[in-house]
């Protein structure tokens, strides 16, 4: 399935924004002569998910979502970590909506709604 972003976990002593910058630099390096910095991100949304795997194991996670706003990036300027990323593709808003409706993306309806509301403003 496709996902809308890079993902990762926060390291001990790290905040969510620093982790986002670290993860994007690790998983999808931008080959424009600079590293992605914290100032390039805009906080979008946080949601909590609980999933019970067994009687003795309940997973509780917070998902923080940020948008990286930049220009001059396309699939030719990205170097991705093949151990974690199989492919990268740029799509427009209509394509994201189709992919969501066709269950081609990881299920996160709350996030897609916030993302669509934000992107349709531009």
PDB file of N, CA and C in Angstrom:
ATOM      1  N   UNK A   1       0.845  -1.185   0.000  1.00  0.00           N
ATOM      2  CA  UNK A   1       0.000   0.000   0.000  1.00  0.00           C
ATOM      3  C   UNK A   1       0.886   1.243   0.000  1.00  0.00           C
ATOM      4  N   UNK A   2       0.323   2.318  -0.504  1.00  0.00           N
ATOM      5  CA  UNK A   2       1.010   3.598  -0.500  1.00  0.00           C
ATOM      6  C   UNK A   2       0.765   4.295   0.833  1.00  0.00           C
ATOM      7  N   UNK A   3       1.695   5.128   1.232  1.00  0.00           N
ATOM      8  CA  UNK A   3       1.534   5.963   2.407  1.00  0.00           C
ATOM      9  C   UNK A   3       1.833   7.388   1.979  1.00  0.00           C
ATOM     10  N   UNK A   4       1.384   8.347   2.750  1.00  0.00           N
ATOM     11  CA  UNK A   4       1.545   9.734   2.356  1.00  0.00           C
ATOM     12  C   UNK A   4       2.832  10.359   2.851  1.00  0.00           C
ATOM     13  N   UNK A   5       3.626   9.609   3.599  1.00  0.00           N
ATOM     14  CA  UNK A   5       4.780  10.238   4.216  1.00  0.00           C
ATOM     15  C   UNK A   5       5.834   9.222   4.602  1.00  0.00           C
ATOM     16  N   UNK A   6       6.912   9.746   5.128  1.00  0.00           N
ATOM     17  CA  UNK A   6       7.867   8.901   5.822  1.00  0.00           C
ATOM     18  C   UNK A   6       7.330   8.714   7.234  1.00  0.00           C
ATOM     19  N   UNK A   7       7.861   7.740   7.931  1.00  0.00           N
ATOM     20  CA  UNK A   7       7.358   7.481   9.277  1.00  0.00           C
ATOM     21  C   UNK A   7       8.493   6.963  10.146  1.00  0.00           C
ATOM     22  N   UNK A   8       8.313   7.101  11.426  1.00  0.00           N
ATOM     23  CA  UNK A   8       9.315   6.595  12.351  1.00  0.00           C
ATOM     24  C   UNK A   8       8.890   6.828  13.781  1.00  0.00           C
ATOM     25  N   UNK A   9       9.753   6.444  14.677  1.00  0.00           N
ATOM     26  CA  UNK A   9       9.481   6.606  16.097  1.00  0.00           C
ATOM     27  C   UNK A   9      10.427   7.646  16.678  1.00  0.00           C
ATOM     28  N   UNK A  10       9.950   8.290  17.708  1.00  0.00           N
ATOM     29  CA  UNK A  10      10.744   9.295  18.403  1.00  0.00           C
ATOM     30  C   UNK A  10      11.788   8.589  19.256  1.00  0.00           C
ATOM     31  N   UNK A  11      13.024   9.045  19.167  1.00  0.00           N
ATOM     32  CA  UNK A  11      14.098   8.503  20.003  1.00  0.00           C
ATOM     33  C   UNK A  11      14.014   9.111  21.398  1.00  0.00           C
ATOM     34  N   UNK A  12      14.615   8.456  22.360  1.00  0.00           N
ATOM     35  CA  UNK A  12      14.626   8.962  23.731  1.00  0.00           C
ATOM     36  C   UNK A  12      15.200  10.370  23.761  1.00  0.00           C
ATOM     37  N   UNK A  13      14.489  11.291  24.405  1.00  0.00           N
ATOM     38  CA  UNK A  13      14.941  12.662  24.537  1.00  0.00           C
ATOM     39  C   UNK A  13      14.663  13.539  23.330  1.00  0.00           C
ATOM     40  N   UNK A  14      13.998  13.025  22.326  1.00  0.00           N
ATOM     41  CA  UNK A  14      13.740  13.770  21.096  1.00  0.00           C
ATOM     42  C   UNK A  14      12.279  14.208  21.042  1.00  0.00           C
ATOM     43  N   UNK A  15      12.011  15.343  20.413  1.00  0.00           N
ATOM     44  CA  UNK A  15      10.629  15.757  20.225  1.00  0.00           C
ATOM     45  C   UNK A  15      10.150  15.322  18.842  1.00  0.00           C
ATOM     46  N   UNK A  16       8.844  15.436  18.597  1.00  0.00           N
ATOM     47  CA  UNK A  16       8.244  14.946  17.355  1.00  0.00           C
ATOM     48  C   UNK A  16       8.778  15.676  16.128  1.00  0.00           C
ATOM     49  N   UNK A  17       9.002  16.968  16.229  1.00  0.00           N
ATOM     50  CA  UNK A  17       9.497  17.744  15.099  1.00  0.00           C
ATOM     51  C   UNK A  17      10.920  17.345  14.719  1.00  0.00           C
ATOM     52  N   UNK A  18      11.774  17.161  15.696  1.00  0.00           N
ATOM     53  CA  UNK A  18      13.144  16.702  15.423  1.00  0.00           C
ATOM     54  C   UNK A  18      13.137  15.304  14.813  1.00  0.00           C
ATOM     55  N   UNK A  19      12.243  14.452  15.309  1.00  0.00           N
ATOM     56  CA  UNK A  19      12.132  13.097  14.752  1.00  0.00           C
ATOM     57  C   UNK A  19      11.661  13.144  13.306  1.00  0.00           C
ATOM     58  N   UNK A  20      10.733  14.037  12.978  1.00  0.00           N
ATOM     59  CA  UNK A  20      10.257  14.173  11.592  1.00  0.00           C
ATOM     60  C   UNK A  20      11.402  14.585  10.667  1.00  0.00           C
ATOM     61  N   UNK A  21      12.191  15.555  11.080  1.00  0.00           N
ATOM     62  CA  UNK A  21      13.337  15.994  10.271  1.00  0.00           C
ATOM     63  C   UNK A  21      14.346  14.852  10.111  1.00  0.00           C
ATOM     64  N   UNK A  22      14.606  14.122  11.194  1.00  0.00           N
ATOM     65  CA  UNK A  22      15.541  12.991  11.120  1.00  0.00           C
ATOM     66  C   UNK A  22      15.033  11.925  10.162  1.00  0.00           C
ATOM     67  N   UNK A  23      13.766  11.566  10.288  1.00  0.00           N
ATOM     68  CA  UNK A  23      13.211  10.496   9.460  1.00  0.00           C
ATOM     69  C   UNK A  23      13.197  10.843   7.973  1.00  0.00           C
ATOM     70  N   UNK A  24      12.841  12.074   7.636  1.00  0.00           N
ATOM     71  CA  UNK A  24      12.809  12.419   6.214  1.00  0.00           C
ATOM     72  C   UNK A  24      14.219  12.429   5.634  1.00  0.00           C
ATOM     73  N   UNK A  25      15.198  12.842   6.422  1.00  0.00           N
ATOM     74  CA  UNK A  25      16.579  12.817   5.942  1.00  0.00           C
ATOM     75  C   UNK A  25      17.106  11.391   5.818  1.00  0.00           C
ATOM     76  N   UNK A  26      16.644  10.488   6.684  1.00  0.00           N
ATOM     77  CA  UNK A  26      17.078   9.091   6.612  1.00  0.00           C
ATOM     78  C   UNK A  26      16.397   8.333   5.475  1.00  0.00           C
ATOM     79  N   UNK A  27      15.077   8.487   5.361  1.00  0.00           N
ATOM     80  CA  UNK A  27      14.316   7.647   4.443  1.00  0.00           C
ATOM     81  C   UNK A  27      14.215   8.204   3.027  1.00  0.00           C
ATOM     82  N   UNK A  28      14.091   9.505   2.907  1.00  0.00           N
ATOM     83  CA  UNK A  28      13.921  10.125   1.592  1.00  0.00           C
ATOM     84  C   UNK A  28      14.829  11.347   1.540  1.00  0.00           C
ATOM     85  N   UNK A  29      16.105  11.115   1.299  1.00  0.00           N
ATOM     86  CA  UNK A  29      17.062  12.216   1.259  1.00  0.00           C
ATOM     87  C   UNK A  29      16.772  13.122   0.067  1.00  0.00           C
ATOM     88  N   UNK A  30      16.745  14.399   0.315  1.00  0.00           N
ATOM     89  CA  UNK A  30      16.513  15.372  -0.736  1.00  0.00           C
ATOM     90  C   UNK A  30      17.873  15.792  -1.285  1.00  0.00           C
ATOM     91  N   UNK A  31      18.108  15.537  -2.559  1.00  0.00           N
ATOM     92  CA  UNK A  31      19.402  15.813  -3.171  1.00  0.00           C
ATOM     93  C   UNK A  31      19.433  17.209  -3.793  1.00  0.00           C
ATOM     94  N   UNK A  32      19.257  18.216  -2.978  1.00  0.00           N
ATOM     95  CA  UNK A  32      19.290  19.592  -3.464  1.00  0.00           C
ATOM     96  C   UNK A  32      20.417  20.385  -2.824  1.00  0.00           C
ATOM     97  N   UNK A  33      21.360  19.710  -2.231  1.00  0.00           N
ATOM     98  CA  UNK A  33      22.489  20.395  -1.632  1.00  0.00           C
ATOM     99  C   UNK A  33      22.231  20.887  -0.216  1.00  0.00           C
ATOM    100  N   UNK A  34      21.130  20.503   0.388  1.00  0.00           N
ATOM    101  CA  UNK A  34      20.868  20.883   1.775  1.00  0.00           C
ATOM    102  C   UNK A  34      20.071  19.776   2.453  1.00  0.00           C
ATOM    103  N   UNK A  35      20.075  19.820   3.759  1.00  0.00           N
ATOM    104  CA  UNK A  35      19.280  18.874   4.530  1.00  0.00           C
ATOM    105  C   UNK A  35      17.977  19.531   4.924  1.00  0.00           C
ATOM    106  N   UNK A  36      16.958  18.725   5.081  1.00  0.00           N
ATOM    107  CA  UNK A  36      15.675  19.239   5.549  1.00  0.00           C
ATOM    108  C   UNK A  36      15.835  19.659   7.004  1.00  0.00           C
ATOM    109  N   UNK A  37      15.410  20.857   7.315  1.00  0.00           N
ATOM    110  CA  UNK A  37      15.545  21.408   8.655  1.00  0.00           C
ATOM    111  C   UNK A  37      14.174  21.517   9.328  1.00  0.00           C
ATOM    112  N   UNK A  38      14.176  21.629  10.626  1.00  0.00           N
ATOM    113  CA  UNK A  38      12.947  21.728  11.401  1.00  0.00           C
ATOM    114  C   UNK A  38      12.094  22.908  10.929  1.00  0.00           C
ATOM    115  N   UNK A  39      12.708  24.019  10.569  1.00  0.00           N
ATOM    116  CA  UNK A  39      11.960  25.208  10.158  1.00  0.00           C
ATOM    117  C   UNK A  39      11.140  24.982   8.894  1.00  0.00           C
ATOM    118  N   UNK A  40      11.440  23.926   8.126  1.00  0.00           N
ATOM    119  CA  UNK A  40      10.735  23.638   6.878  1.00  0.00           C
ATOM    120  C   UNK A  40       9.403  22.922   7.098  1.00  0.00           C
ATOM    121  N   UNK A  41       9.119  22.491   8.313  1.00  0.00           N
ATOM    122  CA  UNK A  41       7.922  21.705   8.601  1.00  0.00           C
ATOM    123  C   UNK A  41       6.787  22.564   9.164  1.00  0.00           C
ATOM    124  N   UNK A  42       5.569  22.160   8.875  1.00  0.00           N
ATOM    125  CA  UNK A  42       4.384  22.765   9.472  1.00  0.00           C
ATOM    126  C   UNK A  42       3.609  21.648  10.164  1.00  0.00           C
ATOM    127  N   UNK A  43       3.347  21.843  11.441  1.00  0.00           N
ATOM    128  CA  UNK A  43       2.560  20.872  12.215  1.00  0.00           C
ATOM    129  C   UNK A  43       1.138  20.854  11.670  1.00  0.00           C
ATOM    130  N   UNK A  44       0.583  19.650  11.483  1.00  0.00           N
ATOM    131  CA  UNK A  44      -0.758  19.531  10.948  1.00  0.00           C
ATOM    132  C   UNK A  44      -1.750  18.908  11.925  1.00  0.00           C
ATOM    133  N   UNK A  45      -1.385  17.787  12.527  1.00  0.00           N
ATOM    134  CA  UNK A  45      -2.413  17.005  13.212  1.00  0.00           C
ATOM    135  C   UNK A  45      -1.761  15.951  14.089  1.00  0.00           C
ATOM    136  N   UNK A  46      -2.437  15.608  15.183  1.00  0.00           N
ATOM    137  CA  UNK A  46      -2.004  14.510  16.035  1.00  0.00           C
ATOM    138  C   UNK A  46      -3.235  13.680  16.385  1.00  0.00           C
ATOM    139  N   UNK A  47      -3.085  12.374  16.297  1.00  0.00           N
ATOM    140  CA  UNK A  47      -4.169  11.531  16.794  1.00  0.00           C
ATOM    141  C   UNK A  47      -3.587  10.336  17.532  1.00  0.00           C
ATOM    142  N   UNK A  48      -4.404   9.790  18.412  1.00  0.00           N
ATOM    143  CA  UNK A  48      -4.002   8.665  19.247  1.00  0.00           C
ATOM    144  C   UNK A  48      -4.706   7.416  18.744  1.00  0.00           C
ATOM    145  N   UNK A  49      -3.969   6.324  18.690  1.00  0.00           N
ATOM    146  CA  UNK A  49      -4.544   5.057  18.240  1.00  0.00           C
ATOM    147  C   UNK A  49      -4.224   3.984  19.273  1.00  0.00           C
ATOM    148  N   UNK A  50      -5.246   3.247  19.632  1.00  0.00           N
ATOM    149  CA  UNK A  50      -5.078   2.103  20.533  1.00  0.00           C
ATOM    150  C   UNK A  50      -5.476   0.849  19.781  1.00  0.00           C
ATOM    151  N   UNK A  51      -4.673  -0.177  19.948  1.00  0.00           N
ATOM    152  CA  UNK A  51      -4.973  -1.456  19.302  1.00  0.00           C
ATOM    153  C   UNK A  51      -4.647  -2.578  20.269  1.00  0.00           C
ATOM    154  N   UNK A  52      -5.629  -3.419  20.531  1.00  0.00           N
ATOM    155  CA  UNK A  52      -5.434  -4.538  21.445  1.00  0.00           C
ATOM    156  C   UNK A  52      -5.055  -5.770  20.632  1.00  0.00           C
ATOM    157  N   UNK A  53      -3.851  -6.260  20.867  1.00  0.00           N
ATOM    158  CA  UNK A  53      -3.353  -7.421  20.140  1.00  0.00           C
ATOM    159  C   UNK A  53      -3.646  -8.732  20.854  1.00  0.00           C
ATOM    160  N   UNK A  54      -3.715  -8.674  22.173  1.00  0.00           N
ATOM    161  CA  UNK A  54      -4.037  -9.860  22.968  1.00  0.00           C
ATOM    162  C   UNK A  54      -4.527  -9.377  24.325  1.00  0.00           C
ATOM    163  N   UNK A  55      -4.902 -10.311  25.168  1.00  0.00           N
ATOM    164  CA  UNK A  55      -5.383  -9.955  26.497  1.00  0.00           C
ATOM    165  C   UNK A  55      -4.318  -9.204  27.294  1.00  0.00           C
ATOM    166  N   UNK A  56      -3.038  -9.510  27.018  1.00  0.00           N
ATOM    167  CA  UNK A  56      -1.940  -8.928  27.780  1.00  0.00           C
ATOM    168  C   UNK A  56      -1.177  -7.837  27.036  1.00  0.00           C
ATOM    169  N   UNK A  57      -1.594  -7.492  25.835  1.00  0.00           N
ATOM    170  CA  UNK A  57      -0.821  -6.515  25.057  1.00  0.00           C
ATOM    171  C   UNK A  57      -1.731  -5.506  24.372  1.00  0.00           C
ATOM    172  N   UNK A  58      -1.633  -4.258  24.821  1.00  0.00           N
ATOM    173  CA  UNK A  58      -2.367  -3.136  24.228  1.00  0.00           C
ATOM    174  C   UNK A  58      -1.327  -2.139  23.728  1.00  0.00           C
ATOM    175  N   UNK A  59      -1.387  -1.831  22.443  1.00  0.00           N
ATOM    176  CA  UNK A  59      -0.470  -0.845  21.870  1.00  0.00           C
ATOM    177  C   UNK A  59      -1.168   0.510  21.846  1.00  0.00           C
ATOM    178  N   UNK A  60      -0.490   1.524  22.365  1.00  0.00           N
ATOM    179  CA  UNK A  60      -1.006   2.893  22.357  1.00  0.00           C
ATOM    180  C   UNK A  60       0.045   3.791  21.716  1.00  0.00           C
ATOM    181  N   UNK A  61      -0.355   4.467  20.633  1.00  0.00           N
ATOM    182  CA  UNK A  61       0.587   5.334  19.936  1.00  0.00           C
ATOM    183  C   UNK A  61      -0.054   6.681  19.647  1.00  0.00           C
ATOM    184  N   UNK A  62       0.795   7.690  19.610  1.00  0.00           N
ATOM    185  CA  UNK A  62       0.404   9.004  19.127  1.00  0.00           C
ATOM    186  C   UNK A  62       1.024   9.184  17.761  1.00  0.00           C
ATOM    187  N   UNK A  63       0.239   9.685  16.827  1.00  0.00           N
ATOM    188  CA  UNK A  63       0.718   9.956  15.486  1.00  0.00           C
ATOM    189  C   UNK A  63       0.709  11.467  15.271  1.00  0.00           C
ATOM    190  N   UNK A  64       1.880  12.045  15.102  1.00  0.00           N
ATOM    191  CA  UNK A  64       2.000  13.469  14.795  1.00  0.00           C
ATOM    192  C   UNK A  64       2.290  13.603  13.308  1.00  0.00           C
ATOM    193  N   UNK A  65       1.543  14.472  12.634  1.00  0.00           N
ATOM    194  CA  UNK A  65       1.717  14.666  11.200  1.00  0.00           C
ATOM    195  C   UNK A  65       2.163  16.088  10.914  1.00  0.00           C
ATOM    196  N   UNK A  66       3.159  16.186  10.044  1.00  0.00           N
ATOM    197  CA  UNK A  66       3.708  17.461   9.610  1.00  0.00           C
ATOM    198  C   UNK A  66       3.693  17.488   8.089  1.00  0.00           C
ATOM    199  N   UNK A  67       3.683  18.690   7.539  1.00  0.00           N
ATOM    200  CA  UNK A  67       3.833  18.863   6.095  1.00  0.00           C
ATOM    201  C   UNK A  67       5.166  19.546   5.864  1.00  0.00           C
ATOM    202  N   UNK A  68       5.895  19.046   4.885  1.00  0.00           N
ATOM    203  CA  UNK A  68       7.135  19.685   4.448  1.00  0.00           C
ATOM    204  C   UNK A  68       6.799  20.489   3.209  1.00  0.00           C
ATOM    205  N   UNK A  69       6.908  21.803   3.315  1.00  0.00           N
ATOM    206  CA  UNK A  69       6.616  22.676   2.176  1.00  0.00           C
ATOM    207  C   UNK A  69       7.931  23.131   1.576  1.00  0.00           C
ATOM    208  N   UNK A  70       8.142  22.718   0.339  1.00  0.00           N
ATOM    209  CA  UNK A  70       9.351  23.099  -0.377  1.00  0.00           C
ATOM    210  C   UNK A  70       9.077  22.994  -1.866  1.00  0.00           C
ATOM    211  N   UNK A  71       9.959  23.485  -2.668  1.00  0.00           N
ATOM    212  CA  UNK A  71       9.766  23.400  -4.111  1.00  0.00           C
ATOM    213  C   UNK A  71      11.012  22.792  -4.751  1.00  0.00           C
ATOM    214  N   UNK A  72      10.883  22.421  -6.004  1.00  0.00           N
ATOM    215  CA  UNK A  72      12.021  21.888  -6.739  1.00  0.00           C
ATOM    216  C   UNK A  72      12.312  20.428  -6.486  1.00  0.00           C
ATOM    217  N   UNK A  73      11.385  19.716  -5.868  1.00  0.00           N
ATOM    218  CA  UNK A  73      11.594  18.300  -5.591  1.00  0.00           C
ATOM    219  C   UNK A  73      10.716  17.484  -6.527  1.00  0.00           C
ATOM    220  N   UNK A  74      11.307  16.475  -7.112  1.00  0.00           N
ATOM    221  CA  UNK A  74      10.538  15.504  -7.890  1.00  0.00           C
ATOM    222  C   UNK A  74      11.163  14.138  -7.657  1.00  0.00           C
ATOM    223  N   UNK A  75      10.636  13.110  -8.300  1.00  0.00           N
ATOM    224  CA  UNK A  75      11.139  11.764  -8.036  1.00  0.00           C
ATOM    225  C   UNK A  75      12.583  11.558  -8.487  1.00  0.00           C
ATOM    226  N   UNK A  76      13.132  12.473  -9.265  1.00  0.00           N
ATOM    227  CA  UNK A  76      14.535  12.384  -9.705  1.00  0.00           C
ATOM    228  C   UNK A  76      15.496  12.971  -8.665  1.00  0.00           C
ATOM    229  N   UNK A  77      14.999  13.839  -7.778  1.00  0.00           N
ATOM    230  CA  UNK A  77      15.858  14.492  -6.791  1.00  0.00           C
ATOM    231  C   UNK A  77      15.843  13.803  -5.438  1.00  0.00           C
ATOM    232  N   UNK A  78      15.132  12.684  -5.333  1.00  0.00           N
ATOM    233  CA  UNK A  78      15.054  11.963  -4.071  1.00  0.00           C
ATOM    234  C   UNK A  78      15.911  10.705  -4.103  1.00  0.00           C
ATOM    235  N   UNK A  79      16.607  10.464  -3.037  1.00  0.00           N
ATOM    236  CA  UNK A  79      17.351   9.225  -2.845  1.00  0.00           C
ATOM    237  C   UNK A  79      16.714   8.553  -1.649  1.00  0.00           C
ATOM    238  N   UNK A  80      16.040   7.412  -1.880  1.00  0.00           N
ATOM    239  CA  UNK A  80      15.339   6.809  -0.762  1.00  0.00           C
ATOM    240  C   UNK A  80      16.018   5.548  -0.272  1.00  0.00           C
ATOM    241  N   UNK A  81      15.802   5.283   1.002  1.00  0.00           N
ATOM    242  CA  UNK A  81      16.393   4.148   1.693  1.00  0.00           C
ATOM    243  C   UNK A  81      15.631   2.884   1.281  1.00  0.00           C
ATOM    244  N   UNK A  82      16.263   2.035   0.485  1.00  0.00           N
ATOM    245  CA  UNK A  82      15.573   0.877  -0.090  1.00  0.00           C
ATOM    246  C   UNK A  82      15.137  -0.143   0.960  1.00  0.00           C
ATOM    247  N   UNK A  83      15.740  -0.122   2.131  1.00  0.00           N
ATOM    248  CA  UNK A  83      15.314  -1.036   3.192  1.00  0.00           C
ATOM    249  C   UNK A  83      13.950  -0.647   3.754  1.00  0.00           C
ATOM    250  N   UNK A  84      13.563   0.607   3.602  1.00  0.00           N
ATOM    251  CA  UNK A  84      12.312   1.077   4.184  1.00  0.00           C
ATOM    252  C   UNK A  84      11.321   1.625   3.166  1.00  0.00           C
ATOM    253  N   UNK A  85      11.787   2.025   2.001  1.00  0.00           N
ATOM    254  CA  UNK A  85      10.923   2.639   0.994  1.00  0.00           C
ATOM    255  C   UNK A  85      11.083   1.872  -0.313  1.00  0.00           C
ATOM    256  N   UNK A  86       9.981   1.368  -0.835  1.00  0.00           N
ATOM    257  CA  UNK A  86      10.038   0.611  -2.089  1.00  0.00           C
ATOM    258  C   UNK A  86       9.917   1.505  -3.307  1.00  0.00           C
ATOM    259  N   UNK A  87       9.149   2.570  -3.218  1.00  0.00           N
ATOM    260  CA  UNK A  87       8.945   3.461  -4.350  1.00  0.00           C
ATOM    261  C   UNK A  87       8.449   4.816  -3.855  1.00  0.00           C
ATOM    262  N   UNK A  88       8.674   5.820  -4.665  1.00  0.00           N
ATOM    263  CA  UNK A  88       8.193   7.167  -4.392  1.00  0.00           C
ATOM    264  C   UNK A  88       7.432   7.628  -5.621  1.00  0.00           C
ATOM    265  N   UNK A  89       6.300   8.267  -5.388  1.00  0.00           N
ATOM    266  CA  UNK A  89       5.515   8.773  -6.512  1.00  0.00           C
ATOM    267  C   UNK A  89       4.826  10.057  -6.079  1.00  0.00           C
ATOM    268  N   UNK A  90       4.835  11.031  -6.976  1.00  0.00           N
ATOM    269  CA  UNK A  90       4.155  12.289  -6.728  1.00  0.00           C
ATOM    270  C   UNK A  90       2.792  12.227  -7.398  1.00  0.00           C
ATOM    271  N   UNK A  91       1.760  12.630  -6.658  1.00  0.00           N
ATOM    272  CA  UNK A  91       0.399  12.614  -7.192  1.00  0.00           C
ATOM    273  C   UNK A  91      -0.280  13.940  -6.872  1.00  0.00           C
ATOM    274  N   UNK A  92      -1.285  14.281  -7.673  1.00  0.00           N
ATOM    275  CA  UNK A  92      -2.049  15.488  -7.395  1.00  0.00           C
ATOM    276  C   UNK A  92      -3.198  15.146  -6.442  1.00  0.00           C
ATOM    277  N   UNK A  93      -3.940  16.159  -6.061  1.00  0.00           N
ATOM    278  CA  UNK A  93      -5.011  15.964  -5.082  1.00  0.00           C
ATOM    279  C   UNK A  93      -6.088  15.005  -5.566  1.00  0.00           C
ATOM    280  N   UNK A  94      -6.435  15.069  -6.841  1.00  0.00           N
ATOM    281  CA  UNK A  94      -7.441  14.154  -7.376  1.00  0.00           C
ATOM    282  C   UNK A  94      -6.975  12.707  -7.286  1.00  0.00           C
ATOM    283  N   UNK A  95      -5.710  12.475  -7.560  1.00  0.00           N
ATOM    284  CA  UNK A  95      -5.164  11.122  -7.481  1.00  0.00           C
ATOM    285  C   UNK A  95      -5.163  10.613  -6.040  1.00  0.00           C
ATOM    286  N   UNK A  96      -4.834  11.477  -5.085  1.00  0.00           N
ATOM    287  CA  UNK A  96      -4.878  11.072  -3.667  1.00  0.00           C
ATOM    288  C   UNK A  96      -6.297  10.648  -3.294  1.00  0.00           C
ATOM    289  N   UNK A  97      -7.277  11.411  -3.727  1.00  0.00           N
ATOM    290  CA  UNK A  97      -8.669  11.063  -3.426  1.00  0.00           C
ATOM    291  C   UNK A  97      -9.044   9.714  -4.042  1.00  0.00           C
ATOM    292  N   UNK A  98      -8.655   9.472  -5.280  1.00  0.00           N
ATOM    293  CA  UNK A  98      -8.949   8.192  -5.926  1.00  0.00           C
ATOM    294  C   UNK A  98      -8.262   7.043  -5.192  1.00  0.00           C
ATOM    295  N   UNK A  99      -7.004   7.236  -4.834  1.00  0.00           N
ATOM    296  CA  UNK A  99      -6.256   6.192  -4.137  1.00  0.00           C
ATOM    297  C   UNK A  99      -6.897   5.876  -2.786  1.00  0.00           C
ATOM    298  N   UNK A 100      -7.378   6.910  -2.104  1.00  0.00           N
ATOM    299  CA  UNK A 100      -8.048   6.716  -0.816  1.00  0.00           C
ATOM    300  C   UNK A 100      -9.344   5.930  -1.003  1.00  0.00           C
ATOM    301  N   UNK A 101     -10.131   6.306  -1.988  1.00  0.00           N
ATOM    302  CA  UNK A 101     -11.393   5.615  -2.256  1.00  0.00           C
ATOM    303  C   UNK A 101     -11.182   4.170  -2.678  1.00  0.00           C
ATOM    304  N   UNK A 102     -10.083   3.891  -3.383  1.00  0.00           N
ATOM    305  CA  UNK A 102      -9.791   2.537  -3.873  1.00  0.00           C
ATOM    306  C   UNK A 102      -8.981   1.706  -2.873  1.00  0.00           C
ATOM    307  N   UNK A 103      -8.831   2.220  -1.648  1.00  0.00           N
ATOM    308  CA  UNK A 103      -8.084   1.516  -0.589  1.00  0.00           C
ATOM    309  C   UNK A 103      -6.663   1.167  -1.013  1.00  0.00           C
ATOM    310  N   UNK A 104      -6.004   2.092  -1.694  1.00  0.00           N
ATOM    311  CA  UNK A 104      -4.619   1.890  -2.119  1.00  0.00           C
ATOM    312  C   UNK A 104      -3.624   2.516  -1.145  1.00  0.00           C
ATOM    313  N   UNK A 105      -4.134   3.199  -0.137  1.00  0.00           N
ATOM    314  CA  UNK A 105      -3.267   3.867   0.832  1.00  0.00           C
ATOM    315  C   UNK A 105      -3.529   3.306   2.223  1.00  0.00           C
ATOM    316  N   UNK A 106      -2.550   3.479   3.097  1.00  0.00           N
ATOM    317  CA  UNK A 106      -2.700   3.055   4.488  1.00  0.00           C
ATOM    318  C   UNK A 106      -3.896   3.789   5.085  1.00  0.00           C
ATOM    319  N   UNK A 107      -4.717   3.073   5.836  1.00  0.00           N
ATOM    320  CA  UNK A 107      -5.960   3.648   6.357  1.00  0.00           C
ATOM    321  C   UNK A 107      -5.681   4.621   7.504  1.00  0.00           C
ATOM    322  N   UNK A 108      -5.889   5.888   7.209  1.00  0.00           N
ATOM    323  CA  UNK A 108      -5.784   6.964   8.198  1.00  0.00           C
ATOM    324  C   UNK A 108      -6.774   8.065   7.804  1.00  0.00           C
ATOM    325  N   UNK A 109      -8.061   7.804   7.869  1.00  0.00           N
ATOM    326  CA  UNK A 109      -9.042   8.772   7.363  1.00  0.00           C
ATOM    327  C   UNK A 109      -8.950  10.149   8.011  1.00  0.00           C
ATOM    328  N   UNK A 110      -8.635  10.194   9.301  1.00  0.00           N
ATOM    329  CA  UNK A 110      -8.533  11.486   9.981  1.00  0.00           C
ATOM    330  C   UNK A 110      -7.443  12.345   9.356  1.00  0.00           C
ATOM    331  N   UNK A 111      -6.333  11.717   9.061  1.00  0.00           N
ATOM    332  CA  UNK A 111      -5.184  12.433   8.508  1.00  0.00           C
ATOM    333  C   UNK A 111      -5.477  12.924   7.098  1.00  0.00           C
ATOM    334  N   UNK A 112      -6.075  12.082   6.274  1.00  0.00           N
ATOM    335  CA  UNK A 112      -6.368  12.482   4.904  1.00  0.00           C
ATOM    336  C   UNK A 112      -7.342  13.648   4.871  1.00  0.00           C
ATOM    337  N   UNK A 113      -8.298  13.675   5.783  1.00  0.00           N
ATOM    338  CA  UNK A 113      -9.250  14.780   5.817  1.00  0.00           C
ATOM    339  C   UNK A 113      -8.542  16.087   6.150  1.00  0.00           C
ATOM    340  N   UNK A 114      -7.673  16.071   7.159  1.00  0.00           N
ATOM    341  CA  UNK A 114      -6.925  17.274   7.520  1.00  0.00           C
ATOM    342  C   UNK A 114      -6.020  17.686   6.365  1.00  0.00           C
ATOM    343  N   UNK A 115      -5.367  16.729   5.733  1.00  0.00           N
ATOM    344  CA  UNK A 115      -4.482  17.017   4.606  1.00  0.00           C
ATOM    345  C   UNK A 115      -5.255  17.646   3.447  1.00  0.00           C
ATOM    346  N   UNK A 116      -6.378  17.062   3.092  1.00  0.00           N
ATOM    347  CA  UNK A 116      -7.190  17.590   1.984  1.00  0.00           C
ATOM    348  C   UNK A 116      -7.693  18.999   2.288  1.00  0.00           C
ATOM    349  N   UNK A 117      -8.181  19.220   3.503  1.00  0.00           N
ATOM    350  CA  UNK A 117      -8.639  20.559   3.873  1.00  0.00           C
ATOM    351  C   UNK A 117      -7.519  21.582   3.730  1.00  0.00           C
ATOM    352  N   UNK A 118      -6.322  21.200   4.128  1.00  0.00           N
ATOM    353  CA  UNK A 118      -5.175  22.102   4.029  1.00  0.00           C
ATOM    354  C   UNK A 118      -4.777  22.346   2.568  1.00  0.00           C
ATOM    355  N   UNK A 119      -4.637  21.294   1.791  1.00  0.00           N
ATOM    356  CA  UNK A 119      -4.143  21.424   0.425  1.00  0.00           C
ATOM    357  C   UNK A 119      -5.133  22.085  -0.521  1.00  0.00           C
ATOM    358  N   UNK A 120      -6.411  21.878  -0.302  1.00  0.00           N
ATOM    359  CA  UNK A 120      -7.397  22.487  -1.192  1.00  0.00           C
ATOM    360  C   UNK A 120      -7.483  24.000  -1.022  1.00  0.00           C
ATOM    361  N   UNK A 121      -6.852  24.542   0.006  1.00  0.00           N
ATOM    362  CA  UNK A 121      -6.824  25.996   0.189  1.00  0.00           C
ATOM    363  C   UNK A 121      -5.914  26.670  -0.823  1.00  0.00           C
ATOM    364  N   UNK A 122      -4.994  25.929  -1.416  1.00  0.00           N
ATOM    365  CA  UNK A 122      -3.991  26.527  -2.318  1.00  0.00           C
ATOM    366  C   UNK A 122      -4.352  26.369  -3.757  1.00  0.00           C
TER     367      UNK A 122
END
